[in-house]
Amino acid sequence: MFIIRPFLDGDLEDLVQLWEICGVTKPWNNPETDIFRKTQQGDQLFLIAEKDNKLIASVMGGYDGHRGWIHYLAVHPQHQRLGVATALIQHIEKRLIAIGCPKVQLLIRQDNLSILNFYDQLGYEEVEAVCVGKRLIPD
């Protein structure tokens, strides 16, 4: 069995290692910087799953007053397909609902479209939108 809890500063090294194993890190997103920025929000929407005192999964949520967002869902390969990701998503959804968030969205990279079936099973639908972005702070 695993437990879900908020991210703690002491999780940093293990979390970065998990993200690297799961392939969610990208050269243009420094994981330590992303983690630091998220922890500064203090919104309790950054969750970790652990089993036997070892970090096995993570999810990062956010809410901007209009919609919630889900980022950095990652489950160690040895713990995938055991309900960990589903539990993390459900926990984030409950926390978002508790703060009045009416809807949630997430972005999926083109090279990770195989995950679409997972989100479909949780009731997520593809949204017709074009994602555009602009770097405001060079990292």
Protein backbone atom coordinates (compact mmCIF):
# COMPACT_ATOMS: atom_id res chain seq x y z
CA MET A 1 0.00 0.00 0.00
CA PHE A 2 1.10 3.57 -0.60
CA ILE A 3 0.31 6.88 1.06
CA ILE A 4 -0.29 10.27 -0.51
CA ARG A 5 1.00 13.38 1.20
CA PRO A 6 2.14 16.92 0.38
CA PHE A 7 5.63 17.46 -1.00
CA LEU A 8 8.26 18.26 1.66
CA ASP A 9 11.58 20.03 1.08
CA GLY A 10 13.41 16.81 1.99
CA ASP A 11 11.83 15.11 -1.04
CA LEU A 12 13.70 17.27 -3.55
CA GLU A 13 16.53 14.91 -4.52
CA ASP A 14 14.32 11.82 -4.72
CA LEU A 15 11.69 13.70 -6.71
CA VAL A 16 14.15 14.98 -9.31
CA GLN A 17 15.49 11.44 -9.65
CA LEU A 18 11.93 10.11 -10.10
CA TRP A 19 11.17 12.69 -12.78
CA GLU A 20 14.37 11.77 -14.62
CA ILE A 21 13.52 8.05 -14.48
CA CYS A 22 10.01 8.80 -15.76
CA GLY A 23 11.26 11.08 -18.53
CA VAL A 24 9.25 14.15 -17.51
CA THR A 25 12.24 16.46 -17.25
CA LYS A 26 13.20 18.52 -20.26
CA PRO A 27 16.35 20.61 -20.80
CA TRP A 28 14.36 23.86 -20.90
CA ASN A 29 12.63 23.17 -17.53
CA ASN A 30 15.02 22.92 -14.60
CA PRO A 31 13.26 20.56 -12.17
CA GLU A 32 14.73 22.18 -9.05
CA THR A 33 13.56 25.60 -10.24
CA ASP A 34 10.07 24.30 -11.03
CA ILE A 35 9.86 22.64 -7.61
CA PHE A 36 11.04 25.78 -5.82
CA ARG A 37 8.54 27.95 -7.68
CA LYS A 38 5.71 25.55 -6.87
CA THR A 39 6.54 25.32 -3.18
CA GLN A 40 6.45 29.12 -2.97
CA GLN A 41 2.74 28.96 -3.85
CA GLY A 42 1.92 27.24 -0.54
CA ASP A 43 -1.35 25.90 -1.95
CA GLN A 44 -1.03 22.23 -0.89
CA LEU A 45 -1.49 21.15 -4.52
CA PHE A 46 1.86 19.40 -4.84
CA LEU A 47 1.50 15.76 -3.83
CA ILE A 48 3.79 12.80 -3.42
CA ALA A 49 3.01 9.10 -3.18
CA GLU A 50 5.34 6.95 -1.14
CA LYS A 51 5.56 3.27 -0.34
CA ASP A 52 7.77 1.85 2.38
CA ASN A 53 9.15 5.38 2.95
CA LYS A 54 10.29 5.64 -0.70
CA LEU A 55 8.97 8.28 -3.07
CA ILE A 56 7.20 6.50 -5.94
CA ALA A 57 5.06 9.17 -7.62
CA SER A 58 4.16 12.84 -7.83
CA VAL A 59 1.60 15.26 -9.18
CA MET A 60 1.65 19.05 -9.23
CA GLY A 61 -1.63 20.95 -9.35
CA GLY A 62 -2.47 24.61 -9.69
CA TYR A 63 -5.47 26.93 -9.73
CA ASP A 64 -5.60 30.36 -11.31
CA GLY A 65 -9.16 31.31 -10.31
CA HIS A 66 -10.57 30.21 -13.67
CA ARG A 67 -9.39 26.62 -14.04
CA GLY A 68 -7.15 24.12 -12.39
CA TRP A 69 -4.10 22.60 -13.97
CA ILE A 70 -2.29 19.31 -13.51
CA HIS A 71 1.43 18.96 -14.18
CA TYR A 72 4.26 16.53 -13.47
CA LEU A 73 2.22 13.37 -12.98
CA ALA A 74 4.95 10.77 -12.70
CA VAL A 75 4.91 7.21 -11.35
CA HIS A 76 8.03 5.11 -11.01
CA PRO A 77 7.93 2.35 -13.68
CA GLN A 78 7.94 -0.37 -10.98
CA HIS A 79 4.72 1.08 -9.54
CA GLN A 80 2.78 1.85 -12.71
CA ARG A 81 -0.61 0.27 -13.42
CA LEU A 82 -1.26 -0.23 -9.71
CA GLY A 83 -3.65 2.69 -9.19
CA VAL A 84 -1.09 5.21 -7.94
CA ALA A 85 -1.61 7.72 -10.77
CA THR A 86 -5.39 7.43 -10.50
CA ALA A 87 -5.24 8.05 -6.75
CA LEU A 88 -2.99 11.10 -7.20
CA ILE A 89 -5.31 12.59 -9.84
CA GLN A 90 -8.34 11.98 -7.63
CA HIS A 91 -6.60 13.64 -4.66
CA ILE A 92 -5.71 16.70 -6.73
CA GLU A 93 -9.25 16.90 -8.08
CA LYS A 94 -10.70 16.78 -4.55
CA ARG A 95 -8.33 19.51 -3.38
CA LEU A 96 -9.22 21.66 -6.37
CA ILE A 97 -12.95 21.19 -5.75
CA ALA A 98 -12.43 22.13 -2.09
CA ILE A 99 -11.02 25.51 -3.12
CA GLY A 100 -13.82 26.18 -5.61
CA CYS A 101 -12.14 25.16 -8.85
CA PRO A 102 -14.86 24.47 -11.46
CA LYS A 103 -12.75 22.63 -14.07
CA VAL A 104 -9.29 21.21 -14.58
CA GLN A 105 -7.08 20.78 -17.61
CA LEU A 106 -3.65 19.42 -18.40
CA LEU A 107 -1.24 19.49 -21.27
CA ILE A 108 0.20 16.35 -22.83
CA ARG A 109 3.35 16.49 -24.90
CA GLN A 110 3.11 15.16 -28.44
CA ASP A 111 5.67 12.47 -27.62
CA ASN A 112 3.50 11.15 -24.74
CA LEU A 113 0.11 10.70 -26.42
CA SER A 114 -0.05 7.06 -25.28
CA ILE A 115 -1.25 8.45 -21.92
CA LEU A 116 -4.51 9.70 -23.47
CA ASN A 117 -6.33 6.43 -22.72
CA PHE A 118 -5.48 6.77 -19.02
CA TYR A 119 -7.01 10.24 -18.83
CA ASP A 120 -10.00 9.17 -20.94
CA GLN A 121 -10.78 6.48 -18.35
CA LEU A 122 -10.81 9.21 -15.67
CA GLY A 123 -13.34 11.28 -17.61
CA TYR A 124 -10.98 13.76 -19.26
CA GLU A 125 -11.84 14.87 -22.77
CA GLU A 126 -9.70 16.40 -25.47
CA VAL A 127 -10.29 20.15 -25.66
CA GLU A 128 -10.17 21.92 -29.00
CA ALA A 129 -7.56 24.54 -28.31
CA VAL A 130 -4.17 25.62 -29.49
CA CYS A 131 -1.53 25.98 -26.82
CA VAL A 132 0.80 28.93 -27.22
CA GLY A 133 3.48 30.05 -24.81
CA LYS A 134 6.07 32.66 -24.13
CA ARG A 135 9.12 32.41 -21.87
CA LEU A 136 9.05 35.35 -19.42
CA ILE A 137 12.07 34.44 -17.30
CA PRO A 138 15.02 32.73 -18.98
CA ASP A 139 16.17 29.79 -16.86
